[in-house]
């Protein structure tokens, strides 16, 4: 399944710098909103990946294993949980 936009472009950039002079701390509502926004984007990304993966028989093309077996299992559990949650 092909989509017109890239889901990962919705995430916040990881290399932004901000001038924090005069900035107030976020409220608990601000933190909650950002956490929910991240959760929704993660679920939406997983759903799109799931929809794309249903058209292929090769499920390992997006997962590159690393040397650490514990890390591999953690990555697989994370991806699997995203796929199950989106399904």
PDB file of N, CA and C in Angstrom:
ATOM      1  N   UNK A   1       0.849  -1.168   0.000  1.00  0.00           N
ATOM      2  CA  UNK A   1       0.000   0.000   0.000  1.00  0.00           C
ATOM      3  C   UNK A   1       0.896   1.233   0.000  1.00  0.00           C
ATOM      4  N   UNK A   2       0.668   2.115  -0.920  1.00  0.00           N
ATOM      5  CA  UNK A   2       1.457   3.339  -1.018  1.00  0.00           C
ATOM      6  C   UNK A   2       0.666   4.513  -0.456  1.00  0.00           C
ATOM      7  N   UNK A   3       1.352   5.361   0.296  1.00  0.00           N
ATOM      8  CA  UNK A   3       0.737   6.537   0.887  1.00  0.00           C
ATOM      9  C   UNK A   3       1.359   7.787   0.280  1.00  0.00           C
ATOM     10  N   UNK A   4       0.613   8.869   0.278  1.00  0.00           N
ATOM     11  CA  UNK A   4       1.104  10.113  -0.319  1.00  0.00           C
ATOM     12  C   UNK A   4       2.094  10.850   0.571  1.00  0.00           C
ATOM     13  N   UNK A   5       2.030  10.640   1.867  1.00  0.00           N
ATOM     14  CA  UNK A   5       2.899  11.366   2.790  1.00  0.00           C
ATOM     15  C   UNK A   5       3.749  10.396   3.591  1.00  0.00           C
ATOM     16  N   UNK A   6       4.803  10.923   4.172  1.00  0.00           N
ATOM     17  CA  UNK A   6       5.686  10.134   5.019  1.00  0.00           C
ATOM     18  C   UNK A   6       5.251  10.314   6.464  1.00  0.00           C
ATOM     19  N   UNK A   7       4.878   9.229   7.115  1.00  0.00           N
ATOM     20  CA  UNK A   7       4.373   9.307   8.490  1.00  0.00           C
ATOM     21  C   UNK A   7       5.428   9.841   9.443  1.00  0.00           C
ATOM     22  N   UNK A   8       6.685   9.539   9.197  1.00  0.00           N
ATOM     23  CA  UNK A   8       7.729   9.943  10.121  1.00  0.00           C
ATOM     24  C   UNK A   8       8.027  11.437  10.052  1.00  0.00           C
ATOM     25  N   UNK A   9       7.471  12.135   9.063  1.00  0.00           N
ATOM     26  CA  UNK A   9       7.644  13.586   9.008  1.00  0.00           C
ATOM     27  C   UNK A   9       6.784  14.289  10.059  1.00  0.00           C
ATOM     28  N   UNK A  10       5.850  13.572  10.678  1.00  0.00           N
ATOM     29  CA  UNK A  10       5.007  14.163  11.716  1.00  0.00           C
ATOM     30  C   UNK A  10       5.717  14.269  13.059  1.00  0.00           C
ATOM     31  N   UNK A  11       6.774  13.504  13.240  1.00  0.00           N
ATOM     32  CA  UNK A  11       7.485  13.532  14.510  1.00  0.00           C
ATOM     33  C   UNK A  11       8.277  14.821  14.653  1.00  0.00           C
ATOM     34  N   UNK A  12       8.523  15.176  15.889  1.00  0.00           N
ATOM     35  CA  UNK A  12       9.310  16.381  16.159  1.00  0.00           C
ATOM     36  C   UNK A  12      10.754  16.162  15.718  1.00  0.00           C
ATOM     37  N   UNK A  13      11.386  17.180  15.147  1.00  0.00           N
ATOM     38  CA  UNK A  13      12.789  17.034  14.748  1.00  0.00           C
ATOM     39  C   UNK A  13      13.667  16.779  15.967  1.00  0.00           C
ATOM     40  N   UNK A  14      14.689  15.986  15.786  1.00  0.00           N
ATOM     41  CA  UNK A  14      15.541  15.634  16.923  1.00  0.00           C
ATOM     42  C   UNK A  14      16.720  16.584  17.096  1.00  0.00           C
ATOM     43  N   UNK A  15      16.919  17.499  16.176  1.00  0.00           N
ATOM     44  CA  UNK A  15      18.094  18.359  16.258  1.00  0.00           C
ATOM     45  C   UNK A  15      17.747  19.845  16.367  1.00  0.00           C
ATOM     46  N   UNK A  16      16.615  20.179  16.912  1.00  0.00           N
ATOM     47  CA  UNK A  16      16.231  21.578  17.090  1.00  0.00           C
ATOM     48  C   UNK A  16      16.894  22.153  18.329  1.00  0.00           C
ATOM     49  N   UNK A  17      17.237  23.438  18.264  1.00  0.00           N
ATOM     50  CA  UNK A  17      17.767  24.150  19.424  1.00  0.00           C
ATOM     51  C   UNK A  17      16.847  25.324  19.711  1.00  0.00           C
ATOM     52  N   UNK A  18      16.590  25.536  20.976  1.00  0.00           N
ATOM     53  CA  UNK A  18      15.699  26.606  21.390  1.00  0.00           C
ATOM     54  C   UNK A  18      16.420  27.529  22.355  1.00  0.00           C
ATOM     55  N   UNK A  19      16.100  28.800  22.276  1.00  0.00           N
ATOM     56  CA  UNK A  19      16.591  29.761  23.245  1.00  0.00           C
ATOM     57  C   UNK A  19      15.626  29.727  24.430  1.00  0.00           C
ATOM     58  N   UNK A  20      16.086  29.259  25.571  1.00  0.00           N
ATOM     59  CA  UNK A  20      15.209  29.044  26.714  1.00  0.00           C
ATOM     60  C   UNK A  20      15.117  30.238  27.657  1.00  0.00           C
ATOM     61  N   UNK A  21      15.708  31.354  27.289  1.00  0.00           N
ATOM     62  CA  UNK A  21      15.633  32.545  28.131  1.00  0.00           C
ATOM     63  C   UNK A  21      14.194  33.058  28.115  1.00  0.00           C
ATOM     64  N   UNK A  22      13.596  33.165  29.286  1.00  0.00           N
ATOM     65  CA  UNK A  22      12.238  33.676  29.405  1.00  0.00           C
ATOM     66  C   UNK A  22      11.145  32.650  29.167  1.00  0.00           C
ATOM     67  N   UNK A  23      11.511  31.403  28.979  1.00  0.00           N
ATOM     68  CA  UNK A  23      10.520  30.356  28.731  1.00  0.00           C
ATOM     69  C   UNK A  23      10.061  29.784  30.067  1.00  0.00           C
ATOM     70  N   UNK A  24       8.752  29.581  30.207  1.00  0.00           N
ATOM     71  CA  UNK A  24       8.247  28.978  31.441  1.00  0.00           C
ATOM     72  C   UNK A  24       8.138  27.468  31.274  1.00  0.00           C
ATOM     73  N   UNK A  25       8.143  26.771  32.375  1.00  0.00           N
ATOM     74  CA  UNK A  25       8.048  25.313  32.364  1.00  0.00           C
ATOM     75  C   UNK A  25       6.656  24.894  31.885  1.00  0.00           C
ATOM     76  N   UNK A  26       6.578  23.778  31.161  1.00  0.00           N
ATOM     77  CA  UNK A  26       5.264  23.316  30.703  1.00  0.00           C
ATOM     78  C   UNK A  26       4.413  22.835  31.877  1.00  0.00           C
ATOM     79  N   UNK A  27       3.127  22.958  31.715  1.00  0.00           N
ATOM     80  CA  UNK A  27       2.206  22.482  32.746  1.00  0.00           C
ATOM     81  C   UNK A  27       2.001  20.980  32.580  1.00  0.00           C
ATOM     82  N   UNK A  28       1.320  20.395  33.541  1.00  0.00           N
ATOM     83  CA  UNK A  28       1.035  18.967  33.439  1.00  0.00           C
ATOM     84  C   UNK A  28       0.134  18.672  32.243  1.00  0.00           C
ATOM     85  N   UNK A  29      -0.711  19.606  31.872  1.00  0.00           N
ATOM     86  CA  UNK A  29      -1.577  19.428  30.703  1.00  0.00           C
ATOM     87  C   UNK A  29      -0.740  19.425  29.424  1.00  0.00           C
ATOM     88  N   UNK A  30       0.261  20.306  29.358  1.00  0.00           N
ATOM     89  CA  UNK A  30       1.151  20.339  28.192  1.00  0.00           C
ATOM     90  C   UNK A  30       1.908  19.024  28.035  1.00  0.00           C
ATOM     91  N   UNK A  31       2.419  18.512  29.135  1.00  0.00           N
ATOM     92  CA  UNK A  31       3.173  17.254  29.101  1.00  0.00           C
ATOM     93  C   UNK A  31       2.253  16.101  28.707  1.00  0.00           C
ATOM     94  N   UNK A  32       1.044  16.077  29.266  1.00  0.00           N
ATOM     95  CA  UNK A  32       0.078  15.026  28.935  1.00  0.00           C
ATOM     96  C   UNK A  32      -0.283  15.076  27.452  1.00  0.00           C
ATOM     97  N   UNK A  33      -0.534  16.291  26.930  1.00  0.00           N
ATOM     98  CA  UNK A  33      -0.885  16.435  25.518  1.00  0.00           C
ATOM     99  C   UNK A  33       0.233  15.908  24.626  1.00  0.00           C
ATOM    100  N   UNK A  34       1.470  16.261  24.947  1.00  0.00           N
ATOM    101  CA  UNK A  34       2.602  15.812  24.119  1.00  0.00           C
ATOM    102  C   UNK A  34       2.754  14.296  24.183  1.00  0.00           C
ATOM    103  N   UNK A  35       2.540  13.722  25.363  1.00  0.00           N
ATOM    104  CA  UNK A  35       2.637  12.269  25.496  1.00  0.00           C
ATOM    105  C   UNK A  35       1.552  11.578  24.669  1.00  0.00           C
ATOM    106  N   UNK A  36       0.331  12.093  24.722  1.00  0.00           N
ATOM    107  CA  UNK A  36      -0.757  11.505  23.938  1.00  0.00           C
ATOM    108  C   UNK A  36      -0.519  11.701  22.445  1.00  0.00           C
ATOM    109  N   UNK A  37       0.013  12.863  22.068  1.00  0.00           N
ATOM    110  CA  UNK A  37       0.316  13.117  20.662  1.00  0.00           C
ATOM    111  C   UNK A  37       1.347  12.111  20.159  1.00  0.00           C
ATOM    112  N   UNK A  38       2.387  11.875  20.938  1.00  0.00           N
ATOM    113  CA  UNK A  38       3.421  10.907  20.553  1.00  0.00           C
ATOM    114  C   UNK A  38       2.823   9.508  20.450  1.00  0.00           C
ATOM    115  N   UNK A  39       1.973   9.144  21.401  1.00  0.00           N
ATOM    116  CA  UNK A  39       1.341   7.824  21.384  1.00  0.00           C
ATOM    117  C   UNK A  39       0.474   7.643  20.138  1.00  0.00           C
ATOM    118  N   UNK A  40      -0.295   8.655  19.788  1.00  0.00           N
ATOM    119  CA  UNK A  40      -1.173   8.569  18.622  1.00  0.00           C
ATOM    120  C   UNK A  40      -0.353   8.479  17.334  1.00  0.00           C
ATOM    121  N   UNK A  41       0.714   9.265  17.244  1.00  0.00           N
ATOM    122  CA  UNK A  41       1.566   9.211  16.052  1.00  0.00           C
ATOM    123  C   UNK A  41       2.226   7.840  15.940  1.00  0.00           C
ATOM    124  N   UNK A  42       2.685   7.276  17.065  1.00  0.00           N
ATOM    125  CA  UNK A  42       3.284   5.935  17.041  1.00  0.00           C
ATOM    126  C   UNK A  42       2.271   4.890  16.581  1.00  0.00           C
ATOM    127  N   UNK A  43       1.052   4.981  17.071  1.00  0.00           N
ATOM    128  CA  UNK A  43       0.022   4.020  16.676  1.00  0.00           C
ATOM    129  C   UNK A  43      -0.344   4.184  15.198  1.00  0.00           C
ATOM    130  N   UNK A  44      -0.424   5.419  14.740  1.00  0.00           N
ATOM    131  CA  UNK A  44      -0.743   5.669  13.339  1.00  0.00           C
ATOM    132  C   UNK A  44       0.381   5.164  12.433  1.00  0.00           C
ATOM    133  N   UNK A  45       1.619   5.396  12.858  1.00  0.00           N
ATOM    134  CA  UNK A  45       2.759   4.903  12.079  1.00  0.00           C
ATOM    135  C   UNK A  45       2.741   3.382  12.022  1.00  0.00           C
ATOM    136  N   UNK A  46       2.451   2.748  13.145  1.00  0.00           N
ATOM    137  CA  UNK A  46       2.389   1.287  13.170  1.00  0.00           C
ATOM    138  C   UNK A  46       1.274   0.769  12.270  1.00  0.00           C
ATOM    139  N   UNK A  47       0.143   1.447  12.264  1.00  0.00           N
ATOM    140  CA  UNK A  47      -0.969   1.025  11.407  1.00  0.00           C
ATOM    141  C   UNK A  47      -0.591   1.143   9.934  1.00  0.00           C
ATOM    142  N   UNK A  48       0.097   2.219   9.586  1.00  0.00           N
ATOM    143  CA  UNK A  48       0.516   2.377   8.193  1.00  0.00           C
ATOM    144  C   UNK A  48       1.550   1.333   7.803  1.00  0.00           C
ATOM    145  N   UNK A  49       2.488   1.059   8.702  1.00  0.00           N
ATOM    146  CA  UNK A  49       3.480   0.018   8.419  1.00  0.00           C
ATOM    147  C   UNK A  49       2.784  -1.332   8.293  1.00  0.00           C
ATOM    148  N   UNK A  50       1.837  -1.600   9.183  1.00  0.00           N
ATOM    149  CA  UNK A  50       1.086  -2.854   9.134  1.00  0.00           C
ATOM    150  C   UNK A  50       0.353  -2.989   7.803  1.00  0.00           C
ATOM    151  N   UNK A  51      -0.305  -1.924   7.365  1.00  0.00           N
ATOM    152  CA  UNK A  51      -1.024  -1.967   6.091  1.00  0.00           C
ATOM    153  C   UNK A  51      -0.063  -2.210   4.933  1.00  0.00           C
ATOM    154  N   UNK A  52       1.107  -1.601   5.003  1.00  0.00           N
ATOM    155  CA  UNK A  52       2.108  -1.807   3.958  1.00  0.00           C
ATOM    156  C   UNK A  52       2.643  -3.236   3.997  1.00  0.00           C
ATOM    157  N   UNK A  53       2.858  -3.764   5.186  1.00  0.00           N
ATOM    158  CA  UNK A  53       3.432  -5.104   5.331  1.00  0.00           C
ATOM    159  C   UNK A  53       2.467  -6.206   4.924  1.00  0.00           C
ATOM    160  N   UNK A  54       1.178  -5.931   4.914  1.00  0.00           N
ATOM    161  CA  UNK A  54       0.225  -6.965   4.515  1.00  0.00           C
ATOM    162  C   UNK A  54       0.354  -7.324   3.042  1.00  0.00           C
ATOM    163  N   UNK A  55       1.010  -6.476   2.272  1.00  0.00           N
ATOM    164  CA  UNK A  55       1.163  -6.740   0.843  1.00  0.00           C
ATOM    165  C   UNK A  55       2.452  -7.472   0.498  1.00  0.00           C
ATOM    166  N   UNK A  56       3.274  -7.804   1.476  1.00  0.00           N
ATOM    167  CA  UNK A  56       4.550  -8.455   1.193  1.00  0.00           C
ATOM    168  C   UNK A  56       4.692  -9.735   2.009  1.00  0.00           C
ATOM    169  N   UNK A  57       5.488 -10.654   1.485  1.00  0.00           N
ATOM    170  CA  UNK A  57       5.780 -11.888   2.212  1.00  0.00           C
ATOM    171  C   UNK A  57       7.078 -11.781   3.006  1.00  0.00           C
ATOM    172  N   UNK A  58       7.867 -10.760   2.735  1.00  0.00           N
ATOM    173  CA  UNK A  58       9.162 -10.581   3.385  1.00  0.00           C
ATOM    174  C   UNK A  58       9.010  -9.633   4.571  1.00  0.00           C
ATOM    175  N   UNK A  59       8.919 -10.188   5.767  1.00  0.00           N
ATOM    176  CA  UNK A  59       8.725  -9.371   6.960  1.00  0.00           C
ATOM    177  C   UNK A  59      10.034  -8.939   7.595  1.00  0.00           C
ATOM    178  N   UNK A  60      11.171  -9.434   7.137  1.00  0.00           N
ATOM    179  CA  UNK A  60      12.440  -9.105   7.782  1.00  0.00           C
ATOM    180  C   UNK A  60      13.198  -7.987   7.073  1.00  0.00           C
ATOM    181  N   UNK A  61      12.651  -7.427   6.026  1.00  0.00           N
ATOM    182  CA  UNK A  61      13.391  -6.402   5.288  1.00  0.00           C
ATOM    183  C   UNK A  61      13.493  -5.084   6.047  1.00  0.00           C
ATOM    184  N   UNK A  62      12.684  -4.877   7.063  1.00  0.00           N
ATOM    185  CA  UNK A  62      12.718  -3.623   7.818  1.00  0.00           C
ATOM    186  C   UNK A  62      13.406  -3.763   9.160  1.00  0.00           C
ATOM    187  N   UNK A  63      13.799  -4.966   9.527  1.00  0.00           N
ATOM    188  CA  UNK A  63      14.404  -5.196  10.836  1.00  0.00           C
ATOM    189  C   UNK A  63      15.816  -5.736  10.666  1.00  0.00           C
ATOM    190  N   UNK A  64      16.808  -4.966  11.088  1.00  0.00           N
ATOM    191  CA  UNK A  64      18.202  -5.393  11.035  1.00  0.00           C
ATOM    192  C   UNK A  64      18.633  -5.805  12.434  1.00  0.00           C
ATOM    193  N   UNK A  65      18.971  -7.057  12.582  1.00  0.00           N
ATOM    194  CA  UNK A  65      19.371  -7.541  13.899  1.00  0.00           C
ATOM    195  C   UNK A  65      20.725  -6.969  14.299  1.00  0.00           C
ATOM    196  N   UNK A  66      20.915  -6.819  15.597  1.00  0.00           N
ATOM    197  CA  UNK A  66      22.176  -6.341  16.153  1.00  0.00           C
ATOM    198  C   UNK A  66      22.826  -7.489  16.918  1.00  0.00           C
ATOM    199  N   UNK A  67      24.019  -7.256  17.434  1.00  0.00           N
ATOM    200  CA  UNK A  67      24.757  -8.310  18.136  1.00  0.00           C
ATOM    201  C   UNK A  67      24.096  -8.716  19.455  1.00  0.00           C
ATOM    202  N   UNK A  68      23.490  -7.768  20.128  1.00  0.00           N
ATOM    203  CA  UNK A  68      22.916  -8.008  21.450  1.00  0.00           C
ATOM    204  C   UNK A  68      21.574  -8.729  21.326  1.00  0.00           C
ATOM    205  N   UNK A  69      21.495  -9.957  21.846  1.00  0.00           N
ATOM    206  CA  UNK A  69      20.263 -10.742  21.740  1.00  0.00           C
ATOM    207  C   UNK A  69      19.121 -10.113  22.532  1.00  0.00           C
ATOM    208  N   UNK A  70      19.448  -9.521  23.667  1.00  0.00           N
ATOM    209  CA  UNK A  70      18.412  -8.872  24.477  1.00  0.00           C
ATOM    210  C   UNK A  70      17.807  -7.693  23.723  1.00  0.00           C
ATOM    211  N   UNK A  71      18.654  -6.919  23.055  1.00  0.00           N
ATOM    212  CA  UNK A  71      18.163  -5.784  22.267  1.00  0.00           C
ATOM    213  C   UNK A  71      17.299  -6.274  21.108  1.00  0.00           C
ATOM    214  N   UNK A  72      17.713  -7.347  20.446  1.00  0.00           N
ATOM    215  CA  UNK A  72      16.911  -7.904  19.348  1.00  0.00           C
ATOM    216  C   UNK A  72      15.524  -8.309  19.828  1.00  0.00           C
ATOM    217  N   UNK A  73      15.477  -8.982  20.968  1.00  0.00           N
ATOM    218  CA  UNK A  73      14.179  -9.393  21.500  1.00  0.00           C
ATOM    219  C   UNK A  73      13.335  -8.182  21.868  1.00  0.00           C
ATOM    220  N   UNK A  74      13.969  -7.170  22.443  1.00  0.00           N
ATOM    221  CA  UNK A  74      13.231  -5.959  22.812  1.00  0.00           C
ATOM    222  C   UNK A  74      12.664  -5.278  21.569  1.00  0.00           C
ATOM    223  N   UNK A  75      13.485  -5.152  20.522  1.00  0.00           N
ATOM    224  CA  UNK A  75      13.008  -4.528  19.285  1.00  0.00           C
ATOM    225  C   UNK A  75      11.853  -5.317  18.687  1.00  0.00           C
ATOM    226  N   UNK A  76      11.985  -6.631  18.668  1.00  0.00           N
ATOM    227  CA  UNK A  76      10.921  -7.466  18.099  1.00  0.00           C
ATOM    228  C   UNK A  76       9.635  -7.344  18.913  1.00  0.00           C
ATOM    229  N   UNK A  77       9.762  -7.297  20.241  1.00  0.00           N
ATOM    230  CA  UNK A  77       8.573  -7.140  21.080  1.00  0.00           C
ATOM    231  C   UNK A  77       7.913  -5.784  20.856  1.00  0.00           C
ATOM    232  N   UNK A  78       8.725  -4.751  20.701  1.00  0.00           N
ATOM    233  CA  UNK A  78       8.173  -3.411  20.468  1.00  0.00           C
ATOM    234  C   UNK A  78       7.421  -3.373  19.143  1.00  0.00           C
ATOM    235  N   UNK A  79       8.059  -3.862  18.071  1.00  0.00           N
ATOM    236  CA  UNK A  79       7.393  -3.865  16.768  1.00  0.00           C
ATOM    237  C   UNK A  79       6.143  -4.738  16.790  1.00  0.00           C
ATOM    238  N   UNK A  80       6.260  -5.908  17.411  1.00  0.00           N
ATOM    239  CA  UNK A  80       5.107  -6.803  17.478  1.00  0.00           C
ATOM    240  C   UNK A  80       3.963  -6.165  18.249  1.00  0.00           C
ATOM    241  N   UNK A  81       4.282  -5.495  19.348  1.00  0.00           N
ATOM    242  CA  UNK A  81       3.224  -4.845  20.127  1.00  0.00           C
ATOM    243  C   UNK A  81       2.564  -3.735  19.320  1.00  0.00           C
ATOM    244  N   UNK A  82       3.360  -2.973  18.557  1.00  0.00           N
ATOM    245  CA  UNK A  82       2.775  -1.935  17.705  1.00  0.00           C
ATOM    246  C   UNK A  82       1.857  -2.551  16.654  1.00  0.00           C
ATOM    247  N   UNK A  83       2.308  -3.645  16.036  1.00  0.00           N
ATOM    248  CA  UNK A  83       1.491  -4.278  15.003  1.00  0.00           C
ATOM    249  C   UNK A  83       0.198  -4.841  15.585  1.00  0.00           C
ATOM    250  N   UNK A  84       0.297  -5.516  16.729  1.00  0.00           N
ATOM    251  CA  UNK A  84      -0.913  -6.062  17.339  1.00  0.00           C
ATOM    252  C   UNK A  84      -1.863  -4.962  17.782  1.00  0.00           C
ATOM    253  N   UNK A  85      -1.316  -3.888  18.304  1.00  0.00           N
ATOM    254  CA  UNK A  85      -2.172  -2.791  18.754  1.00  0.00           C
ATOM    255  C   UNK A  85      -2.859  -2.120  17.573  1.00  0.00           C
ATOM    256  N   UNK A  86      -2.150  -2.016  16.462  1.00  0.00           N
ATOM    257  CA  UNK A  86      -2.755  -1.369  15.298  1.00  0.00           C
ATOM    258  C   UNK A  86      -3.755  -2.280  14.600  1.00  0.00           C
ATOM    259  N   UNK A  87      -3.570  -3.585  14.744  1.00  0.00           N
ATOM    260  CA  UNK A  87      -4.500  -4.524  14.113  1.00  0.00           C
ATOM    261  C   UNK A  87      -5.760  -4.571  14.925  1.00  0.00           C
TER     262      UNK A  87
END
